[in-house]
Amino acid sequence: MFTLIGNFDDKYLHTSSILGIDSGYPKGECEESTFWTILDAEEPPPSNLITTGGGFDDYITCFQVVEYPTPTSPKVPSYMLQHCPSFCGAGPQTCFNISIYIDNGVRRLSSTGATPFELVFYKVKETHDSM
């Protein structure tokens, strides 16, 4: 779930909007927060892996969606995630592209990697239930 930080009146997600990303409701009693975090984007794994546990508008949970520079399919717009700690008050004055990091065959999202993770949004088809 994308939660806009700062502009609560906007109903749509725009590129370059500052946002928090929430994985959903906690799965157990010990889990305090499900907001995505990156503890230190400039350090090697595990510090730069996306985990959960941050506050809503903390610098470790500050992300944005931007247009992907070279989409795989030019007919479909694609996007990528960036971690931008300085947008929420601390950290380096740059944004870090989110990419796939593979460790012992396990794929994880991280602030390191050669190629940013490309994503596409699709509009949900409306269904009309008849009673």
C-alpha atoms as a PDB file:
ATOM      1  CA  MET A   1       0.000   0.000   0.000  1.00  0.00           C
ATOM      2  CA  PHE A   2       1.395   3.404  -0.961  1.00  0.00           C
ATOM      3  CA  THR A   3       0.841   6.195   1.570  1.00  0.00           C
ATOM      4  CA  LEU A   4       1.604   9.745   0.494  1.00  0.00           C
ATOM      5  CA  ILE A   5       3.745  11.729   2.916  1.00  0.00           C
ATOM      6  CA  GLY A   6       2.947  15.422   3.245  1.00  0.00           C
ATOM      7  CA  ASN A   7       0.121  15.767   0.694  1.00  0.00           C
ATOM      8  CA  PHE A   8      -2.814  13.920   2.222  1.00  0.00           C
ATOM      9  CA  ASP A   9      -5.468  15.567   0.030  1.00  0.00           C
ATOM     10  CA  ASP A  10      -4.199  13.992  -3.197  1.00  0.00           C
ATOM     11  CA  LYS A  11      -6.166  10.926  -4.294  1.00  0.00           C
ATOM     12  CA  TYR A  12      -3.657   9.670  -6.871  1.00  0.00           C
ATOM     13  CA  LEU A  13      -0.056   8.528  -6.836  1.00  0.00           C
ATOM     14  CA  HIS A  14       2.072  10.827  -8.974  1.00  0.00           C
ATOM     15  CA  THR A  15       5.663  10.239  -9.991  1.00  0.00           C
ATOM     16  CA  SER A  16       8.095  11.856  -7.583  1.00  0.00           C
ATOM     17  CA  SER A  17       5.503  11.944  -4.782  1.00  0.00           C
ATOM     18  CA  ILE A  18       7.091  11.275  -1.413  1.00  0.00           C
ATOM     19  CA  LEU A  19       5.583   8.118   0.034  1.00  0.00           C
ATOM     20  CA  GLY A  20       5.773   5.324   2.533  1.00  0.00           C
ATOM     21  CA  ILE A  21       5.212   1.735   1.401  1.00  0.00           C
ATOM     22  CA  ASP A  22       3.283  -0.543   3.723  1.00  0.00           C
ATOM     23  CA  SER A  23       3.201  -4.340   3.382  1.00  0.00           C
ATOM     24  CA  GLY A  24      -0.138  -4.579   5.153  1.00  0.00           C
ATOM     25  CA  TYR A  25      -1.337  -5.470   8.587  1.00  0.00           C
ATOM     26  CA  PRO A  26       1.177  -7.021  11.018  1.00  0.00           C
ATOM     27  CA  LYS A  27       1.231 -10.816  10.800  1.00  0.00           C
ATOM     28  CA  GLY A  28       1.901 -11.370  14.496  1.00  0.00           C
ATOM     29  CA  GLU A  29       2.008  -9.696  17.882  1.00  0.00           C
ATOM     30  CA  CYS A  30       5.758  -9.018  17.711  1.00  0.00           C
ATOM     31  CA  GLU A  31       5.636  -7.058  14.465  1.00  0.00           C
ATOM     32  CA  GLU A  32       5.294  -3.360  15.273  1.00  0.00           C
ATOM     33  CA  SER A  33       5.267  -1.837  11.793  1.00  0.00           C
ATOM     34  CA  THR A  34       4.967  -3.081   8.248  1.00  0.00           C
ATOM     35  CA  PHE A  35       6.371   0.056   6.579  1.00  0.00           C
ATOM     36  CA  TRP A  36       9.299  -0.710   4.274  1.00  0.00           C
ATOM     37  CA  THR A  37      12.652   0.504   5.547  1.00  0.00           C
ATOM     38  CA  ILE A  38      16.260   0.676   4.438  1.00  0.00           C
ATOM     39  CA  LEU A  39      18.500   1.193   7.456  1.00  0.00           C
ATOM     40  CA  ASP A  40      21.529   2.465   5.510  1.00  0.00           C
ATOM     41  CA  ALA A  41      21.343   2.674   1.717  1.00  0.00           C
ATOM     42  CA  GLU A  42      25.087   3.331   1.387  1.00  0.00           C
ATOM     43  CA  GLU A  43      26.195   0.214   3.279  1.00  0.00           C
ATOM     44  CA  PRO A  44      26.407  -3.326   1.872  1.00  0.00           C
ATOM     45  CA  PRO A  45      23.791  -5.966   2.717  1.00  0.00           C
ATOM     46  CA  PRO A  46      22.131  -6.542   5.080  1.00  0.00           C
ATOM     47  CA  SER A  47      21.960  -2.806   5.963  1.00  0.00           C
ATOM     48  CA  ASN A  48      20.700  -1.804   2.507  1.00  0.00           C
ATOM     49  CA  LEU A  49      18.022  -4.502   2.151  1.00  0.00           C
ATOM     50  CA  ILE A  50      14.367  -3.542   2.306  1.00  0.00           C
ATOM     51  CA  THR A  51      12.869  -4.766   5.577  1.00  0.00           C
ATOM     52  CA  THR A  52       9.907  -3.585   7.650  1.00  0.00           C
ATOM     53  CA  GLY A  53       9.658  -1.838  10.981  1.00  0.00           C
ATOM     54  CA  GLY A  54       9.998   1.891  10.430  1.00  0.00           C
ATOM     55  CA  GLY A  55       7.745   4.789  11.305  1.00  0.00           C
ATOM     56  CA  PHE A  56       5.359   6.364   8.812  1.00  0.00           C
ATOM     57  CA  ASP A  57       7.410   9.409   7.767  1.00  0.00           C
ATOM     58  CA  ASP A  58      10.864   8.485   9.018  1.00  0.00           C
ATOM     59  CA  TYR A  59      13.881   8.973   6.748  1.00  0.00           C
ATOM     60  CA  ILE A  60      14.446   5.208   6.577  1.00  0.00           C
ATOM     61  CA  THR A  61      10.915   4.735   5.138  1.00  0.00           C
ATOM     62  CA  CYS A  62      10.958   7.532   2.555  1.00  0.00           C
ATOM     63  CA  PHE A  63      10.444   6.381  -1.065  1.00  0.00           C
ATOM     64  CA  GLN A  64       9.243   7.705  -4.397  1.00  0.00           C
ATOM     65  CA  VAL A  65       8.065   6.228  -7.705  1.00  0.00           C
ATOM     66  CA  VAL A  66       9.732   7.635 -10.837  1.00  0.00           C
ATOM     67  CA  GLU A  67       9.496   6.813 -14.529  1.00  0.00           C
ATOM     68  CA  TYR A  68      11.794   4.008 -15.667  1.00  0.00           C
ATOM     69  CA  PRO A  69      14.423   5.527 -18.008  1.00  0.00           C
ATOM     70  CA  THR A  70      14.345   2.789 -20.689  1.00  0.00           C
ATOM     71  CA  PRO A  71      11.140   0.724 -20.474  1.00  0.00           C
ATOM     72  CA  THR A  72      11.243  -2.909 -21.576  1.00  0.00           C
ATOM     73  CA  SER A  73       8.102  -2.309 -23.639  1.00  0.00           C
ATOM     74  CA  PRO A  74       7.812   1.198 -25.100  1.00  0.00           C
ATOM     75  CA  LYS A  75       4.012   0.776 -25.400  1.00  0.00           C
ATOM     76  CA  VAL A  76       3.549   0.323 -21.645  1.00  0.00           C
ATOM     77  CA  PRO A  77       4.829   2.982 -19.234  1.00  0.00           C
ATOM     78  CA  SER A  78       6.990   1.515 -16.504  1.00  0.00           C
ATOM     79  CA  TYR A  79       8.336   2.847 -13.246  1.00  0.00           C
ATOM     80  CA  MET A  80      10.919   2.204 -10.580  1.00  0.00           C
ATOM     81  CA  LEU A  81      11.209   2.805  -6.856  1.00  0.00           C
ATOM     82  CA  GLN A  82      13.784   5.043  -5.233  1.00  0.00           C
ATOM     83  CA  HIS A  83      14.717   5.354  -1.575  1.00  0.00           C
ATOM     84  CA  CYS A  84      15.168   9.054  -0.738  1.00  0.00           C
ATOM     85  CA  PRO A  85      16.035   9.519   2.958  1.00  0.00           C
ATOM     86  CA  SER A  86      16.775  13.246   2.638  1.00  0.00           C
ATOM     87  CA  PHE A  87      13.186  13.923   1.487  1.00  0.00           C
ATOM     88  CA  CYS A  88      12.069  12.977   4.998  1.00  0.00           C
ATOM     89  CA  GLY A  89      14.687  14.939   6.876  1.00  0.00           C
ATOM     90  CA  ALA A  90      17.968  13.001   7.095  1.00  0.00           C
ATOM     91  CA  GLY A  91      20.542  10.988   5.266  1.00  0.00           C
ATOM     92  CA  PRO A  92      22.475  11.543   2.046  1.00  0.00           C
ATOM     93  CA  GLN A  93      21.197  14.191  -0.378  1.00  0.00           C
ATOM     94  CA  THR A  94      20.533  11.654  -3.119  1.00  0.00           C
ATOM     95  CA  CYS A  95      18.013   8.974  -4.029  1.00  0.00           C
ATOM     96  CA  PHE A  96      18.963   5.309  -4.379  1.00  0.00           C
ATOM     97  CA  ASN A  97      17.425   3.122  -7.081  1.00  0.00           C
ATOM     98  CA  ILE A  98      15.792  -0.036  -5.748  1.00  0.00           C
ATOM     99  CA  SER A  99      17.034  -3.181  -7.474  1.00  0.00           C
ATOM    100  CA  ILE A 100      17.106  -6.929  -7.023  1.00  0.00           C
ATOM    101  CA  TYR A 101      19.918  -8.278  -4.852  1.00  0.00           C
ATOM    102  CA  ILE A 102      20.519 -12.045  -4.997  1.00  0.00           C
ATOM    103  CA  ASP A 103      22.102 -13.760  -1.988  1.00  0.00           C
ATOM    104  CA  ASN A 104      22.506 -17.555  -2.103  1.00  0.00           C
ATOM    105  CA  GLY A 105      19.691 -17.789  -4.650  1.00  0.00           C
ATOM    106  CA  VAL A 106      17.298 -15.618  -2.604  1.00  0.00           C
ATOM    107  CA  ARG A 107      16.058 -12.483  -4.368  1.00  0.00           C
ATOM    108  CA  ARG A 108      15.603  -9.394  -2.208  1.00  0.00           C
ATOM    109  CA  LEU A 109      14.945  -5.721  -2.838  1.00  0.00           C
ATOM    110  CA  SER A 110      17.927  -3.533  -2.044  1.00  0.00           C
ATOM    111  CA  SER A 111      19.514  -0.143  -2.705  1.00  0.00           C
ATOM    112  CA  THR A 112      22.390  -1.810  -4.554  1.00  0.00           C
ATOM    113  CA  GLY A 113      22.458  -3.537  -7.881  1.00  0.00           C
ATOM    114  CA  ALA A 114      23.229  -2.878 -11.495  1.00  0.00           C
ATOM    115  CA  THR A 115      19.695  -2.550 -12.856  1.00  0.00           C
ATOM    116  CA  PRO A 116      16.771  -0.807 -11.156  1.00  0.00           C
ATOM    117  CA  PHE A 117      13.711  -2.971 -10.532  1.00  0.00           C
ATOM    118  CA  GLU A 118      11.149  -2.166 -13.238  1.00  0.00           C
ATOM    119  CA  LEU A 119       7.452  -2.209 -12.348  1.00  0.00           C
ATOM    120  CA  VAL A 120       4.197  -1.584 -14.194  1.00  0.00           C
ATOM    121  CA  PHE A 121       0.830  -0.491 -12.860  1.00  0.00           C
ATOM    122  CA  TYR A 122      -2.371  -1.880 -14.349  1.00  0.00           C
ATOM    123  CA  LYS A 123      -5.819  -0.476 -13.809  1.00  0.00           C
ATOM    124  CA  VAL A 124      -8.070  -2.982 -12.100  1.00  0.00           C
ATOM    125  CA  LYS A 125     -10.970  -3.998 -14.298  1.00  0.00           C
ATOM    126  CA  GLU A 126     -14.301  -3.037 -12.847  1.00  0.00           C
ATOM    127  CA  THR A 127     -16.652  -5.908 -12.178  1.00  0.00           C
ATOM    128  CA  HIS A 128     -20.371  -5.580 -11.959  1.00  0.00           C
ATOM    129  CA  ASP A 129     -21.939  -8.129  -9.685  1.00  0.00           C
ATOM    130  CA  SER A 130     -25.557  -8.853 -10.435  1.00  0.00           C
ATOM    131  CA  MET A 131     -27.845  -9.796  -7.591  1.00  0.00           C
END
